[in-house]
Amino acid sequence: MFTNNQKAKELTSSAKELIHEADDGFKDGICQLNENLQTYIALRSSVTNKTLKEFDNTYFEIKNIEFDDTNLSIGHGELENIDHEFQNTLEEVKPVHVEEVNSGSFGALFQAAIFAAVAFVIAVVVGILASGSNIYLDKVPEPSQVTTLLAWFGNLADPGNGDANKGALLLGGLIAIIVFIVAFVKMSSRAAQNLKKAEVAHAQADAVHHKKLAQTHKTVTLSQYTLELSTTLKTVQVYMNEFNAIMQRILHVEGDDFSEYSEQSKKDVQMAATIHKRINSIITTNIVAEDGQVTPETRKALEECEECLKQHTKTTTHA
C-alpha cells in the first residue's frame, strides 16, 4: 500500500516535471523565434519597399540591356506570412491533468467505522438473542443485563468461564479487527488506483513531452535560420544599395543606352542585376514546409546568395 503510494507520488512528480520542462522549452523557443522573425520581416520590408524599389526605378530606365539574366520584373508578389504558416504546422497538444496523490485514509476510516458499527449492532443482537439478557435496543440497558451479554461473549472467548471482561475484550477486538481490515482493504485499493492513474498520467506526460520537444526543435531550427537569413540579407542589402548608387551614377553620366556603356559600367549593371536576382530569390522562396521544417528551396537560395557575395568579394579584392 505505502509502496504503491510512494511510486505514484514519484511518477506524479516526474510527470509534472516533464510537462513543465516541455512547456518552458517550447515557450523559450517561440519567444526567440518571434524576436528573430520580427527582425527578419522588418528587414525584408525595408529591402522590398526601399532597396529593391530604388533598383527598379533605375534599372528599368536603361535601354538595350543585353546579358544573361536580364529578364527581371517589377514587383515581387505577396510574400510569405512565415509565422502564420509555421503555426499552422504545429499539431495541437492537449494538456495533461496530473492529479495529486491522495491516500484516502480519512474516507477509508469513515467507511471502516460504518462497517464496524453495523458489525457491532449485529453482534449485539445475536448476543442478546443467544444470552437471553432481555436488552432492548430502544432502551438503556441495566448494568446486570450488560454483564449478562458480555458474559455470553466471554464464554465464546473462554468456554465454560463466562468472564464479562473477556467478553468486552472479544467484542472490542472484533470491532477493531473489522476497522483495520476494512481500512486496510480500502486504502490498499486506493493506493493501487493511485498508482494506475499516476502511470497513465506519466505516459501521457511523456507523450506530450516528446511532441513538445519535436515542436521546440522545429521552432529553434526556424529561429536560427531566420537569424542567418537576416544576417545575409543585411549584407546583400548593403551591396544592393551600393550598386543602386553606381547605376544612378552610370545613368546620369553615360545615359540610358546600355550598348554605349563602358565595359566596367556594363559589368556593374550586370552585377547589380545578379544581386537583385539573389535577393528576390531569398525573399520570395517559401521558408516553411508543410511539416514545419525549413524548405530545401530556401536553403538553396540562401547558399547561392552567400556564394554570390563570396565571388563578388573575391573579384573586388583582386581588382
Protein backbone atom coordinates (compact mmCIF):
# COMPACT_ATOMS: atom_id res chain seq x y z
CA MET A 1 0.00 0.00 0.00
CA PHE A 2 2.63 2.52 1.10
CA THR A 3 4.96 1.39 -1.69
CA ASN A 4 2.26 1.98 -4.32
CA ASN A 5 1.51 5.45 -2.97
CA GLN A 6 5.22 6.30 -2.95
CA LYS A 7 5.62 5.10 -6.53
CA ALA A 8 2.51 7.09 -7.51
CA LYS A 9 3.96 10.24 -5.92
CA GLU A 10 7.27 9.75 -7.75
CA LEU A 11 5.50 9.22 -11.09
CA THR A 12 3.27 12.25 -10.49
CA SER A 13 6.27 14.42 -9.69
CA SER A 14 8.10 13.15 -12.77
CA ALA A 15 5.03 13.78 -14.96
CA LYS A 16 4.76 17.36 -13.74
CA GLU A 17 8.47 17.90 -14.35
CA LEU A 18 8.18 16.54 -17.91
CA ILE A 19 5.26 18.85 -18.68
CA HIS A 20 6.97 21.84 -17.08
CA GLU A 21 10.21 21.20 -18.97
CA ALA A 22 8.40 20.77 -22.29
CA ASP A 23 6.28 23.90 -21.81
CA ASP A 24 9.22 26.07 -20.76
CA GLY A 25 11.40 24.87 -23.63
CA PHE A 26 8.65 25.49 -26.17
CA LYS A 27 7.82 28.94 -24.76
CA ASP A 28 11.50 29.96 -24.84
CA GLY A 29 11.79 28.71 -28.42
CA ILE A 30 8.68 30.62 -29.52
CA CYS A 31 9.88 33.83 -27.83
CA GLN A 32 13.25 33.62 -29.61
CA LEU A 33 11.56 32.78 -32.91
CA ASN A 34 9.20 35.75 -32.62
CA GLU A 35 12.14 38.05 -31.92
CA ASN A 36 14.15 36.77 -34.89
CA LEU A 37 11.09 36.82 -37.15
CA GLN A 38 10.37 40.45 -36.27
CA THR A 39 13.94 41.34 -37.16
CA TYR A 40 13.82 39.47 -40.47
CA ILE A 41 10.36 40.71 -41.50
CA ALA A 42 11.33 44.32 -40.74
CA LEU A 43 14.50 43.88 -42.81
CA ARG A 44 12.59 42.17 -45.62
CA SER A 45 10.15 45.06 -45.68
CA SER A 46 13.00 47.57 -45.86
CA VAL A 47 14.68 45.65 -48.68
CA THR A 48 11.44 45.24 -50.63
CA ASN A 49 9.97 48.71 -50.21
CA LYS A 50 13.16 50.72 -50.43
CA THR A 51 16.26 48.95 -51.73
CA LEU A 52 14.64 46.89 -54.49
CA LYS A 53 12.28 49.71 -55.39
CA GLU A 54 15.26 52.01 -55.95
CA PHE A 55 16.81 49.32 -58.13
CA ASP A 56 13.62 49.05 -60.20
CA ASN A 57 13.40 52.83 -60.63
CA THR A 58 16.92 52.95 -62.04
CA TYR A 59 17.35 49.62 -63.82
CA PHE A 60 14.18 49.84 -65.92
CA GLU A 61 15.20 53.25 -67.27
CA ILE A 62 18.16 51.66 -69.03
CA LYS A 63 17.57 50.59 -72.64
CA ASN A 64 19.09 47.87 -74.83
CA ILE A 65 20.28 45.74 -71.92
CA GLU A 66 21.91 42.56 -73.20
CA PHE A 67 23.42 39.92 -70.91
CA ASP A 68 22.32 36.74 -69.15
CA ASP A 69 19.57 37.03 -66.50
CA THR A 70 18.25 40.32 -67.87
CA ASN A 71 14.66 39.06 -67.71
CA LEU A 72 13.77 40.87 -64.49
CA SER A 73 10.32 42.09 -63.49
CA ILE A 74 8.96 44.85 -61.29
CA GLY A 75 7.28 43.77 -58.07
CA HIS A 76 7.65 40.63 -56.03
CA GLY A 77 4.13 39.41 -55.33
CA GLU A 78 2.72 38.50 -51.94
CA LEU A 79 5.42 37.49 -49.50
CA GLU A 80 5.11 34.54 -47.16
CA ASN A 81 3.47 35.05 -43.77
CA ILE A 82 6.10 32.97 -42.02
CA ASP A 83 4.64 33.00 -38.53
CA HIS A 84 1.14 32.07 -39.74
CA GLU A 85 2.43 29.26 -41.95
CA PHE A 86 4.60 27.87 -39.17
CA GLN A 87 1.83 27.97 -36.54
CA ASN A 88 -0.41 26.01 -38.92
CA THR A 89 2.11 23.17 -38.97
CA LEU A 90 2.08 22.74 -35.19
CA GLU A 91 -0.14 19.93 -34.01
CA GLU A 92 -2.40 20.82 -31.09
CA VAL A 93 -1.10 19.18 -27.93
CA LYS A 94 -3.85 18.54 -25.41
CA PRO A 95 -2.94 19.36 -21.81
CA VAL A 96 -2.43 16.52 -19.35
CA HIS A 97 -4.20 16.61 -15.99
CA VAL A 98 -1.95 15.23 -13.28
CA GLU A 99 -3.84 14.53 -10.06
CA GLU A 100 -2.22 14.83 -6.66
CA VAL A 101 -1.80 11.52 -4.82
CA ASN A 102 -4.37 11.19 -2.02
CA SER A 103 -4.09 8.19 0.30
CA GLY A 104 -7.83 8.30 1.03
CA SER A 105 -7.16 7.44 4.69
CA PHE A 106 -9.97 9.65 6.01
CA GLY A 107 -12.56 8.11 3.70
CA ALA A 108 -11.26 4.61 4.43
CA LEU A 109 -11.51 5.12 8.19
CA PHE A 110 -15.02 6.57 7.81
CA GLN A 111 -16.19 3.55 5.83
CA ALA A 112 -14.46 1.22 8.28
CA ALA A 113 -16.30 2.90 11.13
CA ILE A 114 -19.62 2.34 9.38
CA PHE A 115 -18.83 -1.32 8.80
CA ALA A 116 -17.70 -1.66 12.41
CA ALA A 117 -20.88 -0.04 13.69
CA VAL A 118 -23.02 -2.39 11.61
CA ALA A 119 -20.99 -5.38 12.80
CA PHE A 120 -21.28 -4.22 16.40
CA VAL A 121 -25.07 -3.95 16.15
CA ILE A 122 -25.31 -7.39 14.52
CA ALA A 123 -23.05 -8.92 17.18
CA VAL A 124 -25.04 -7.31 19.97
CA VAL A 125 -28.36 -8.50 18.53
CA VAL A 126 -27.01 -12.04 18.16
CA GLY A 127 -25.66 -11.87 21.72
CA ILE A 128 -28.99 -10.61 23.11
CA LEU A 129 -30.94 -13.36 21.42
CA ALA A 130 -28.48 -16.05 22.43
CA SER A 131 -27.88 -14.91 26.01
CA GLY A 132 -31.49 -14.08 26.88
CA SER A 133 -30.40 -10.82 28.54
CA ASN A 134 -33.69 -9.09 27.69
CA ILE A 135 -31.90 -5.98 26.35
CA TYR A 136 -33.95 -3.77 24.06
CA LEU A 137 -32.11 -1.54 21.62
CA ASP A 138 -34.53 1.31 22.10
CA LYS A 139 -33.89 1.45 25.89
CA VAL A 140 -30.83 1.97 28.05
CA PRO A 141 -29.94 -1.47 29.45
CA GLU A 142 -29.38 -2.22 33.10
CA PRO A 143 -25.80 -2.99 34.22
CA SER A 144 -26.80 -6.55 35.03
CA GLN A 145 -28.18 -7.01 31.53
CA VAL A 146 -24.95 -5.69 30.01
CA THR A 147 -22.96 -8.03 32.25
CA THR A 148 -25.06 -10.98 31.12
CA LEU A 149 -24.49 -10.05 27.50
CA LEU A 150 -20.74 -9.60 27.93
CA ALA A 151 -20.54 -12.86 29.88
CA TRP A 152 -22.01 -14.62 26.87
CA PHE A 153 -19.28 -13.15 24.66
CA GLY A 154 -16.75 -14.09 27.38
CA ASN A 155 -17.92 -17.68 27.19
CA LEU A 156 -17.13 -17.61 23.45
CA ALA A 157 -13.62 -16.45 24.24
CA ASP A 158 -13.14 -18.86 27.14
CA PRO A 159 -15.76 -21.63 27.04
CA GLY A 160 -17.17 -22.51 30.48
CA ASN A 161 -15.84 -19.35 32.12
CA GLY A 162 -18.26 -16.58 31.03
CA ASP A 163 -15.99 -13.69 32.09
CA ALA A 164 -17.64 -10.34 31.21
CA ASN A 165 -14.23 -8.65 30.90
CA LYS A 166 -13.11 -11.20 28.36
CA GLY A 167 -16.40 -10.72 26.56
CA ALA A 168 -15.78 -6.98 26.37
CA LEU A 169 -12.29 -7.62 25.03
CA LEU A 170 -13.66 -10.04 22.46
CA LEU A 171 -16.34 -7.63 21.30
CA GLY A 172 -13.92 -4.68 21.23
CA GLY A 173 -11.27 -6.72 19.47
CA LEU A 174 -13.78 -7.84 16.87
CA ILE A 175 -14.69 -4.23 16.13
CA ALA A 176 -11.01 -3.21 15.98
CA ILE A 177 -10.20 -6.04 13.58
CA ILE A 178 -13.11 -5.08 11.33
CA VAL A 179 -11.97 -1.44 11.34
CA PHE A 180 -8.39 -2.47 10.50
CA ILE A 181 -9.37 -4.90 7.74
CA VAL A 182 -11.83 -2.55 6.06
CA ALA A 183 -9.47 0.42 6.30
CA PHE A 184 -6.54 -1.64 5.02
CA VAL A 185 -8.52 -3.01 2.07
CA LYS A 186 -9.89 0.41 1.15
CA MET A 187 -6.52 2.16 1.46
CA SER A 188 -4.77 -0.63 -0.46
CA SER A 189 -7.36 -0.38 -3.22
CA ARG A 190 -6.94 3.41 -3.29
CA ALA A 191 -3.16 3.06 -3.44
CA ALA A 192 -3.46 0.68 -6.40
CA GLN A 193 -5.78 3.16 -8.12
CA ASN A 194 -3.36 5.99 -7.37
CA LEU A 195 -0.51 4.05 -8.96
CA LYS A 196 -2.57 3.19 -12.05
CA LYS A 197 -3.67 6.83 -12.51
CA ALA A 198 -0.11 8.03 -11.99
CA GLU A 199 1.20 5.56 -14.59
CA VAL A 200 -1.40 6.74 -17.12
CA ALA A 201 -0.65 10.41 -16.37
CA HIS A 202 3.10 9.81 -16.67
CA ALA A 203 2.67 8.04 -20.02
CA GLN A 204 0.54 10.94 -21.28
CA ALA A 205 3.03 13.49 -19.95
CA ASP A 206 5.88 11.62 -21.64
CA ALA A 207 3.99 11.66 -24.97
CA VAL A 208 3.32 15.39 -24.59
CA HIS A 209 6.98 15.91 -23.70
CA HIS A 210 8.13 14.22 -26.90
CA LYS A 211 5.64 16.16 -29.04
CA LYS A 212 6.62 19.46 -27.46
CA LEU A 213 10.33 18.64 -27.87
CA ALA A 214 9.78 17.95 -31.56
CA GLN A 215 7.91 21.24 -31.92
CA THR A 216 10.61 23.05 -29.96
CA HIS A 217 13.28 21.59 -32.24
CA LYS A 218 11.42 22.87 -35.32
CA THR A 219 10.96 26.25 -33.64
CA VAL A 220 14.65 26.56 -32.79
CA THR A 221 15.66 25.44 -36.29
CA LEU A 222 13.43 28.06 -37.91
CA SER A 223 14.61 30.70 -35.44
CA GLN A 224 18.27 30.02 -36.20
CA TYR A 225 17.58 30.01 -39.92
CA THR A 226 15.76 33.37 -39.86
CA LEU A 227 18.69 34.79 -37.91
CA GLU A 228 21.11 33.54 -40.57
CA LEU A 229 18.77 34.83 -43.24
CA SER A 230 18.71 38.29 -41.65
CA THR A 231 22.50 38.41 -41.48
CA THR A 232 22.89 37.55 -45.16
CA LEU A 233 20.03 39.79 -46.27
CA LYS A 234 21.51 42.71 -44.33
CA THR A 235 24.85 42.21 -46.07
CA VAL A 236 23.36 41.82 -49.53
CA GLN A 237 21.23 44.92 -48.91
CA VAL A 238 24.40 46.92 -48.37
CA TYR A 239 25.76 45.69 -51.71
CA MET A 240 22.45 46.40 -53.43
CA ASN A 241 22.40 49.96 -52.04
CA GLU A 242 25.94 50.41 -53.31
CA PHE A 243 25.06 49.22 -56.80
CA ASN A 244 21.90 51.31 -56.82
CA ALA A 245 24.11 54.34 -56.33
CA ILE A 246 26.54 53.12 -59.01
CA MET A 247 23.71 52.60 -61.53
CA GLN A 248 22.33 56.04 -60.76
CA ARG A 249 25.77 57.48 -61.45
CA ILE A 250 26.07 55.49 -64.70
CA LEU A 251 22.61 56.56 -65.82
CA HIS A 252 23.43 60.17 -65.04
CA VAL A 253 26.89 60.22 -66.64
CA GLU A 254 26.64 57.71 -69.50
CA GLY A 255 22.96 57.97 -70.39
CA ASP A 256 20.29 55.31 -70.69
CA ASP A 257 21.70 53.22 -73.59
CA PHE A 258 23.40 50.11 -72.23
CA SER A 259 25.15 49.43 -75.55
CA GLU A 260 27.06 52.71 -75.15
CA TYR A 261 28.31 51.98 -71.63
CA SER A 262 31.95 51.29 -70.79
CA GLU A 263 32.89 47.69 -70.09
CA GLN A 264 33.12 48.36 -66.35
CA SER A 265 29.70 50.03 -66.31
CA LYS A 266 28.21 47.05 -68.12
CA LYS A 267 29.75 44.73 -65.54
CA ASP A 268 28.37 46.88 -62.72
CA VAL A 269 24.86 46.80 -64.13
CA GLN A 270 25.12 43.08 -64.68
CA MET A 271 26.35 42.56 -61.11
CA ALA A 272 23.51 44.72 -59.80
CA ALA A 273 21.01 42.53 -61.67
CA THR A 274 22.61 39.38 -60.26
CA ILE A 275 22.39 40.66 -56.68
CA HIS A 276 18.80 41.70 -57.33
CA LYS A 277 18.04 38.19 -58.51
CA ARG A 278 19.60 36.65 -55.41
CA ILE A 279 17.73 38.97 -53.07
CA ASN A 280 14.47 38.32 -54.86
CA SER A 281 15.09 34.59 -54.64
CA ILE A 282 15.62 34.82 -50.88
CA ILE A 283 12.56 36.84 -50.05
CA THR A 284 10.12 35.12 -52.41
CA THR A 285 11.04 31.50 -51.73
CA ASN A 286 8.81 29.98 -49.06
CA ILE A 287 10.67 29.17 -45.87
CA VAL A 288 8.20 26.90 -44.06
CA ALA A 289 7.48 23.41 -45.36
CA GLU A 290 4.24 21.53 -44.68
CA ASP A 291 5.86 19.68 -41.78
CA GLY A 292 7.19 22.90 -40.22
CA GLN A 293 10.78 22.32 -41.31
CA VAL A 294 12.82 24.81 -43.33
CA THR A 295 12.34 24.10 -47.04
CA PRO A 296 15.33 22.89 -49.08
CA GLU A 297 14.50 25.54 -51.70
CA THR A 298 15.07 28.44 -49.33
CA ARG A 299 18.30 26.90 -48.03
CA LYS A 300 19.49 26.59 -51.63
CA ALA A 301 18.54 30.20 -52.34
CA LEU A 302 20.47 31.35 -49.29
CA GLU A 303 23.54 29.29 -50.22
CA GLU A 304 23.51 30.70 -53.76
CA CYS A 305 23.25 34.23 -52.41
CA GLU A 306 26.14 33.70 -49.99
CA GLU A 307 28.22 32.16 -52.80
CA CYS A 308 27.40 35.16 -55.00
CA LEU A 309 28.67 37.51 -52.28
CA LYS A 310 31.86 35.48 -51.90
CA GLN A 311 32.56 35.58 -55.63
CA HIS A 312 31.88 39.31 -55.76
CA THR A 313 34.18 39.90 -52.80
CA LYS A 314 36.97 37.89 -54.46
CA THR A 315 36.55 39.77 -57.73
CA THR A 316 36.56 43.14 -55.96
CA THR A 317 39.62 42.21 -53.89
CA HIS A 318 41.64 41.02 -56.90
CA ALA A 319 40.64 44.11 -58.86
